[in-house]
Amino acid sequence: GPDWVAAQGGNIRALGRLLFTRGLLP
């Protein structure tokens, strides 16, 4: 949720972290 996104440093950093860890193969 919004608290997790804020802890990650914002939308772009959270998206990058998810994309290049869990979503790298797809």
PDB file of all heavy atoms in Angstrom:
ATOM      1  N   GLY A   1       0.820  -1.207   0.000  1.00  0.00           N
ATOM      2  CA  GLY A   1       0.000   0.000   0.000  1.00  0.00           C
ATOM      3  C   GLY A   1       0.853   1.256   0.000  1.00  0.00           C
ATOM      4  O   GLY A   1       2.078   1.225  -0.190  1.00  0.00           O
ATOM      5  N   PRO A   2       0.228   2.393   0.259  1.00  0.00           N
ATOM      6  CA  PRO A   2       0.945   3.674   0.248  1.00  0.00           C
ATOM      7  C   PRO A   2       2.088   3.744   1.257  1.00  0.00           C
ATOM      8  O   PRO A   2       3.115   4.369   0.991  1.00  0.00           O
ATOM      9  CB  PRO A   2      -0.142   4.690   0.577  1.00  0.00           C
ATOM     10  CG  PRO A   2      -1.424   4.025   0.239  1.00  0.00           C
ATOM     11  CD  PRO A   2      -1.204   2.561   0.434  1.00  0.00           C
ATOM     12  N   ASP A   3       1.927   3.100   2.410  1.00  0.00           N
ATOM     13  CA  ASP A   3       3.006   3.131   3.405  1.00  0.00           C
ATOM     14  C   ASP A   3       4.241   2.394   2.899  1.00  0.00           C
ATOM     15  O   ASP A   3       5.370   2.850   3.089  1.00  0.00           O
ATOM     16  CB  ASP A   3       2.525   2.511   4.723  1.00  0.00           C
ATOM     17  CG  ASP A   3       1.390   3.315   5.340  1.00  0.00           C
ATOM     18  OD1 ASP A   3       1.342   4.535   5.105  1.00  0.00           O
ATOM     19  OD2 ASP A   3       0.555   2.707   6.042  1.00  0.00           O
ATOM     20  N   TRP A   4       4.025   1.247   2.241  1.00  0.00           N
ATOM     21  CA  TRP A   4       5.151   0.481   1.694  1.00  0.00           C
ATOM     22  C   TRP A   4       5.839   1.260   0.586  1.00  0.00           C
ATOM     23  O   TRP A   4       7.070   1.281   0.513  1.00  0.00           O
ATOM     24  CB  TRP A   4       4.652  -0.864   1.170  1.00  0.00           C
ATOM     25  CG  TRP A   4       5.743  -1.726   0.628  1.00  0.00           C
ATOM     26  CD1 TRP A   4       6.595  -2.514   1.333  1.00  0.00           C
ATOM     27  CD2 TRP A   4       6.115  -1.868  -0.739  1.00  0.00           C
ATOM     28  NE1 TRP A   4       7.469  -3.144   0.487  1.00  0.00           N
ATOM     29  CE2 TRP A   4       7.201  -2.763  -0.798  1.00  0.00           C
ATOM     30  CE3 TRP A   4       5.641  -1.325  -1.929  1.00  0.00           C
ATOM     31  CZ2 TRP A   4       7.811  -3.125  -1.983  1.00  0.00           C
ATOM     32  CZ3 TRP A   4       6.248  -1.688  -3.111  1.00  0.00           C
ATOM     33  CH2 TRP A   4       7.320  -2.577  -3.131  1.00  0.00           C
ATOM     34  N   VAL A   5       5.055   1.910  -0.274  1.00  0.00           N
ATOM     35  CA  VAL A   5       5.633   2.696  -1.358  1.00  0.00           C
ATOM     36  C   VAL A   5       6.446   3.852  -0.799  1.00  0.00           C
ATOM     37  O   VAL A   5       7.550   4.144  -1.271  1.00  0.00           O
ATOM     38  CB  VAL A   5       4.525   3.206  -2.316  1.00  0.00           C
ATOM     39  CG1 VAL A   5       5.074   4.196  -3.322  1.00  0.00           C
ATOM     40  CG2 VAL A   5       3.864   2.042  -3.033  1.00  0.00           C
ATOM     41  N   ALA A   6       5.939   4.514   0.230  1.00  0.00           N
ATOM     42  CA  ALA A   6       6.685   5.614   0.846  1.00  0.00           C
ATOM     43  C   ALA A   6       7.971   5.109   1.490  1.00  0.00           C
ATOM     44  O   ALA A   6       9.014   5.773   1.421  1.00  0.00           O
ATOM     45  CB  ALA A   6       5.813   6.313   1.881  1.00  0.00           C
ATOM     46  N   ALA A   7       7.935   3.922   2.095  1.00  0.00           N
ATOM     47  CA  ALA A   7       9.140   3.356   2.709  1.00  0.00           C
ATOM     48  C   ALA A   7      10.185   2.998   1.665  1.00  0.00           C
ATOM     49  O   ALA A   7      11.386   3.024   1.948  1.00  0.00           O
ATOM     50  CB  ALA A   7       8.780   2.122   3.538  1.00  0.00           C
ATOM     51  N   GLN A   8       9.744   2.677   0.446  1.00  0.00           N
ATOM     52  CA  GLN A   8      10.673   2.341  -0.632  1.00  0.00           C
ATOM     53  C   GLN A   8      11.311   3.581  -1.248  1.00  0.00           C
ATOM     54  O   GLN A   8      12.279   3.471  -1.974  1.00  0.00           O
ATOM     55  CB  GLN A   8       9.960   1.548  -1.722  1.00  0.00           C
ATOM     56  CG  GLN A   8       9.452   0.207  -1.279  1.00  0.00           C
ATOM     57  CD  GLN A   8      10.580  -0.723  -0.892  1.00  0.00           C
ATOM     58  OE1 GLN A   8      11.606  -0.791  -1.540  1.00  0.00           O
ATOM     59  NE2 GLN A   8      10.411  -1.424   0.210  1.00  0.00           N
ATOM     60  N   GLY A   9      10.738   4.745  -1.008  1.00  0.00           N
ATOM     61  CA  GLY A   9      11.292   5.969  -1.575  1.00  0.00           C
ATOM     62  C   GLY A   9      10.479   6.521  -2.729  1.00  0.00           C
ATOM     63  O   GLY A   9      10.973   7.366  -3.474  1.00  0.00           O
ATOM     64  N   GLY A  10       9.268   6.053  -2.915  1.00  0.00           N
ATOM     65  CA  GLY A  10       8.405   6.586  -3.965  1.00  0.00           C
ATOM     66  C   GLY A  10       7.998   5.531  -4.980  1.00  0.00           C
ATOM     67  O   GLY A  10       8.476   4.389  -4.943  1.00  0.00           O
ATOM     68  N   ASN A  11       7.125   5.945  -5.892  1.00  0.00           N
ATOM     69  CA  ASN A  11       6.574   5.032  -6.896  1.00  0.00           C
ATOM     70  C   ASN A  11       7.649   4.446  -7.803  1.00  0.00           C
ATOM     71  O   ASN A  11       7.664   3.250  -8.065  1.00  0.00           O
ATOM     72  CB  ASN A  11       5.544   5.757  -7.768  1.00  0.00           C
ATOM     73  CG  ASN A  11       4.197   5.846  -7.114  1.00  0.00           C
ATOM     74  OD1 ASN A  11       3.911   5.115  -6.181  1.00  0.00           O
ATOM     75  ND2 ASN A  11       3.373   6.740  -7.609  1.00  0.00           N
ATOM     76  N   ILE A  12       8.538   5.287  -8.288  1.00  0.00           N
ATOM     77  CA  ILE A  12       9.514   4.835  -9.290  1.00  0.00           C
ATOM     78  C   ILE A  12      10.508   3.860  -8.671  1.00  0.00           C
ATOM     79  O   ILE A  12      10.815   2.818  -9.253  1.00  0.00           O
ATOM     80  CB  ILE A  12      10.225   6.044  -9.925  1.00  0.00           C
ATOM     81  CG1 ILE A  12       9.198   6.894 -10.655  1.00  0.00           C
ATOM     82  CG2 ILE A  12      11.324   5.589 -10.868  1.00  0.00           C
ATOM     83  CD1 ILE A  12       9.725   8.191 -11.185  1.00  0.00           C
ATOM     84  N   ARG A  13      10.983   4.153  -7.488  1.00  0.00           N
ATOM     85  CA  ARG A  13      11.937   3.249  -6.836  1.00  0.00           C
ATOM     86  C   ARG A  13      11.274   1.912  -6.484  1.00  0.00           C
ATOM     87  O   ARG A  13      11.866   0.848  -6.663  1.00  0.00           O
ATOM     88  CB  ARG A  13      12.515   3.897  -5.589  1.00  0.00           C
ATOM     89  CG  ARG A  13      13.591   3.030  -4.966  1.00  0.00           C
ATOM     90  CD  ARG A  13      14.357   3.744  -3.926  1.00  0.00           C
ATOM     91  NE  ARG A  13      15.196   4.743  -4.596  1.00  0.00           N
ATOM     92  CZ  ARG A  13      15.802   5.736  -3.982  1.00  0.00           C
ATOM     93  NH1 ARG A  13      15.677   5.873  -2.684  1.00  0.00           N
ATOM     94  NH2 ARG A  13      16.541   6.585  -4.633  1.00  0.00           N
ATOM     95  N   ALA A  14      10.025   1.961  -6.013  1.00  0.00           N
ATOM     96  CA  ALA A  14       9.303   0.729  -5.683  1.00  0.00           C
ATOM     97  C   ALA A  14       9.050  -0.095  -6.937  1.00  0.00           C
ATOM     98  O   ALA A  14       9.204  -1.317  -6.932  1.00  0.00           O
ATOM     99  CB  ALA A  14       7.986   1.060  -4.979  1.00  0.00           C
ATOM    100  N   LEU A  15       8.668   0.571  -8.025  1.00  0.00           N
ATOM    101  CA  LEU A  15       8.440  -0.135  -9.287  1.00  0.00           C
ATOM    102  C   LEU A  15       9.733  -0.764  -9.792  1.00  0.00           C
ATOM    103  O   LEU A  15       9.747  -1.921 -10.219  1.00  0.00           O
ATOM    104  CB  LEU A  15       7.876   0.822 -10.342  1.00  0.00           C
ATOM    105  CG  LEU A  15       7.723   0.237 -11.728  1.00  0.00           C
ATOM    106  CD1 LEU A  15       6.618  -0.803 -11.729  1.00  0.00           C
ATOM    107  CD2 LEU A  15       7.424   1.325 -12.726  1.00  0.00           C
ATOM    108  N   GLY A  16      10.821  -0.020  -9.746  1.00  0.00           N
ATOM    109  CA  GLY A  16      12.105  -0.558 -10.191  1.00  0.00           C
ATOM    110  C   GLY A  16      12.546  -1.752  -9.368  1.00  0.00           C
ATOM    111  O   GLY A  16      13.032  -2.752  -9.899  1.00  0.00           O
ATOM    112  N   ARG A  17      12.341  -1.669  -8.056  1.00  0.00           N
ATOM    113  CA  ARG A  17      12.731  -2.772  -7.185  1.00  0.00           C
ATOM    114  C   ARG A  17      11.911  -4.030  -7.500  1.00  0.00           C
ATOM    115  O   ARG A  17      12.452  -5.128  -7.596  1.00  0.00           O
ATOM    116  CB  ARG A  17      12.555  -2.364  -5.730  1.00  0.00           C
ATOM    117  CG  ARG A  17      13.194  -3.288  -4.752  1.00  0.00           C
ATOM    118  CD  ARG A  17      13.081  -2.741  -3.341  1.00  0.00           C
ATOM    119  NE  ARG A  17      13.507  -1.351  -3.239  1.00  0.00           N
ATOM    120  CZ  ARG A  17      14.701  -0.956  -2.807  1.00  0.00           C
ATOM    121  NH1 ARG A  17      15.570  -1.848  -2.439  1.00  0.00           N
ATOM    122  NH2 ARG A  17      15.012   0.312  -2.737  1.00  0.00           N
ATOM    123  N   LEU A  18      10.602  -3.870  -7.684  1.00  0.00           N
ATOM    124  CA  LEU A  18       9.765  -5.025  -8.011  1.00  0.00           C
ATOM    125  C   LEU A  18      10.052  -5.556  -9.417  1.00  0.00           C
ATOM    126  O   LEU A  18      10.082  -6.763  -9.646  1.00  0.00           O
ATOM    127  CB  LEU A  18       8.280  -4.658  -7.889  1.00  0.00           C
ATOM    128  CG  LEU A  18       7.734  -4.552  -6.475  1.00  0.00           C
ATOM    129  CD1 LEU A  18       6.296  -4.049  -6.510  1.00  0.00           C
ATOM    130  CD2 LEU A  18       7.819  -5.874  -5.766  1.00  0.00           C
ATOM    131  N   LEU A  19      10.246  -4.636 -10.367  1.00  0.00           N
ATOM    132  CA  LEU A  19      10.459  -5.040 -11.754  1.00  0.00           C
ATOM    133  C   LEU A  19      11.752  -5.822 -11.920  1.00  0.00           C
ATOM    134  O   LEU A  19      11.785  -6.837 -12.612  1.00  0.00           O
ATOM    135  CB  LEU A  19      10.455  -3.818 -12.672  1.00  0.00           C
ATOM    136  CG  LEU A  19      10.657  -4.080 -14.153  1.00  0.00           C
ATOM    137  CD1 LEU A  19       9.493  -4.887 -14.700  1.00  0.00           C
ATOM    138  CD2 LEU A  19      10.778  -2.772 -14.900  1.00  0.00           C
ATOM    139  N   PHE A  20      12.815  -5.367 -11.281  1.00  0.00           N
ATOM    140  CA  PHE A  20      14.103  -6.002 -11.494  1.00  0.00           C
ATOM    141  C   PHE A  20      14.434  -7.080 -10.470  1.00  0.00           C
ATOM    142  O   PHE A  20      15.546  -7.610 -10.468  1.00  0.00           O
ATOM    143  CB  PHE A  20      15.202  -4.954 -11.560  1.00  0.00           C
ATOM    144  CG  PHE A  20      15.102  -4.112 -12.794  1.00  0.00           C
ATOM    145  CD1 PHE A  20      14.818  -2.761 -12.711  1.00  0.00           C
ATOM    146  CD2 PHE A  20      15.248  -4.678 -14.043  1.00  0.00           C
ATOM    147  CE1 PHE A  20      14.698  -2.001 -13.848  1.00  0.00           C
ATOM    148  CE2 PHE A  20      15.129  -3.924 -15.188  1.00  0.00           C
ATOM    149  CZ  PHE A  20      14.855  -2.577 -15.090  1.00  0.00           C
ATOM    150  N   THR A  21      13.491  -7.417  -9.588  1.00  0.00           N
ATOM    151  CA  THR A  21      13.679  -8.577  -8.717  1.00  0.00           C
ATOM    152  C   THR A  21      12.687  -9.662  -9.100  1.00  0.00           C
ATOM    153  O   THR A  21      13.060 -10.681  -9.641  1.00  0.00           O
ATOM    154  CB  THR A  21      13.521  -8.197  -7.230  1.00  0.00           C
ATOM    155  OG1 THR A  21      12.262  -7.568  -7.032  1.00  0.00           O
ATOM    156  CG2 THR A  21      14.641  -7.279  -6.778  1.00  0.00           C
ATOM    157  N   ARG A  22      11.402  -9.418  -8.881  1.00  0.00           N
ATOM    158  CA  ARG A  22      10.385 -10.428  -9.178  1.00  0.00           C
ATOM    159  C   ARG A  22      10.029 -10.502 -10.656  1.00  0.00           C
ATOM    160  O   ARG A  22       9.673 -11.570 -11.147  1.00  0.00           O
ATOM    161  CB  ARG A  22       9.106 -10.128  -8.417  1.00  0.00           C
ATOM    162  CG  ARG A  22       9.224 -10.266  -6.947  1.00  0.00           C
ATOM    163  CD  ARG A  22       7.879 -10.040  -6.316  1.00  0.00           C
ATOM    164  NE  ARG A  22       7.996  -9.955  -4.870  1.00  0.00           N
ATOM    165  CZ  ARG A  22       7.017  -9.598  -4.093  1.00  0.00           C
ATOM    166  NH1 ARG A  22       5.845  -9.279  -4.612  1.00  0.00           N
ATOM    167  NH2 ARG A  22       7.188  -9.544  -2.803  1.00  0.00           N
ATOM    168  N   GLY A  23      10.090  -9.390 -11.365  1.00  0.00           N
ATOM    169  CA  GLY A  23       9.589  -9.370 -12.730  1.00  0.00           C
ATOM    170  C   GLY A  23      10.659  -9.348 -13.801  1.00  0.00           C
ATOM    171  O   GLY A  23      10.373  -9.025 -14.958  1.00  0.00           O
ATOM    172  N   LEU A  24      11.894  -9.686 -13.481  1.00  0.00           N
ATOM    173  CA  LEU A  24      12.966  -9.602 -14.461  1.00  0.00           C
ATOM    174  C   LEU A  24      12.789 -10.602 -15.603  1.00  0.00           C
ATOM    175  O   LEU A  24      12.915 -10.233 -16.776  1.00  0.00           O
ATOM    176  CB  LEU A  24      14.325  -9.813 -13.791  1.00  0.00           C
ATOM    177  CG  LEU A  24      15.535  -9.639 -14.712  1.00  0.00           C
ATOM    178  CD1 LEU A  24      15.571  -8.209 -15.235  1.00  0.00           C
ATOM    179  CD2 LEU A  24      16.813  -9.959 -13.992  1.00  0.00           C
ATOM    180  N   LEU A  25      12.476 -11.833 -15.296  1.00  0.00           N
ATOM    181  CA  LEU A  25      12.319 -12.839 -16.349  1.00  0.00           C
ATOM    182  C   LEU A  25      11.156 -12.515 -17.293  1.00  0.00           C
ATOM    183  O   LEU A  25      11.349 -12.513 -18.514  1.00  0.00           O
ATOM    184  CB  LEU A  25      12.166 -14.230 -15.737  1.00  0.00           C
ATOM    185  CG  LEU A  25      12.021 -15.358 -16.759  1.00  0.00           C
ATOM    186  CD1 LEU A  25      13.293 -15.485 -17.583  1.00  0.00           C
ATOM    187  CD2 LEU A  25      11.705 -16.656 -16.063  1.00  0.00           C
ATOM    188  N   PRO A  26       9.959 -12.206 -16.783  1.00  0.00           N
ATOM    189  CA  PRO A  26       8.879 -11.837 -17.722  1.00  0.00           C
ATOM    190  C   PRO A  26       9.204 -10.589 -18.538  1.00  0.00           C
ATOM    191  O   PRO A  26       8.848 -10.494 -19.715  1.00  0.00           O
ATOM    192  CB  PRO A  26       7.670 -11.585 -16.816  1.00  0.00           C
ATOM    193  CG  PRO A  26       7.963 -12.304 -15.565  1.00  0.00           C
ATOM    194  CD  PRO A  26       9.448 -12.316 -15.423  1.00  0.00           C
TER     195      PRO A  26
END
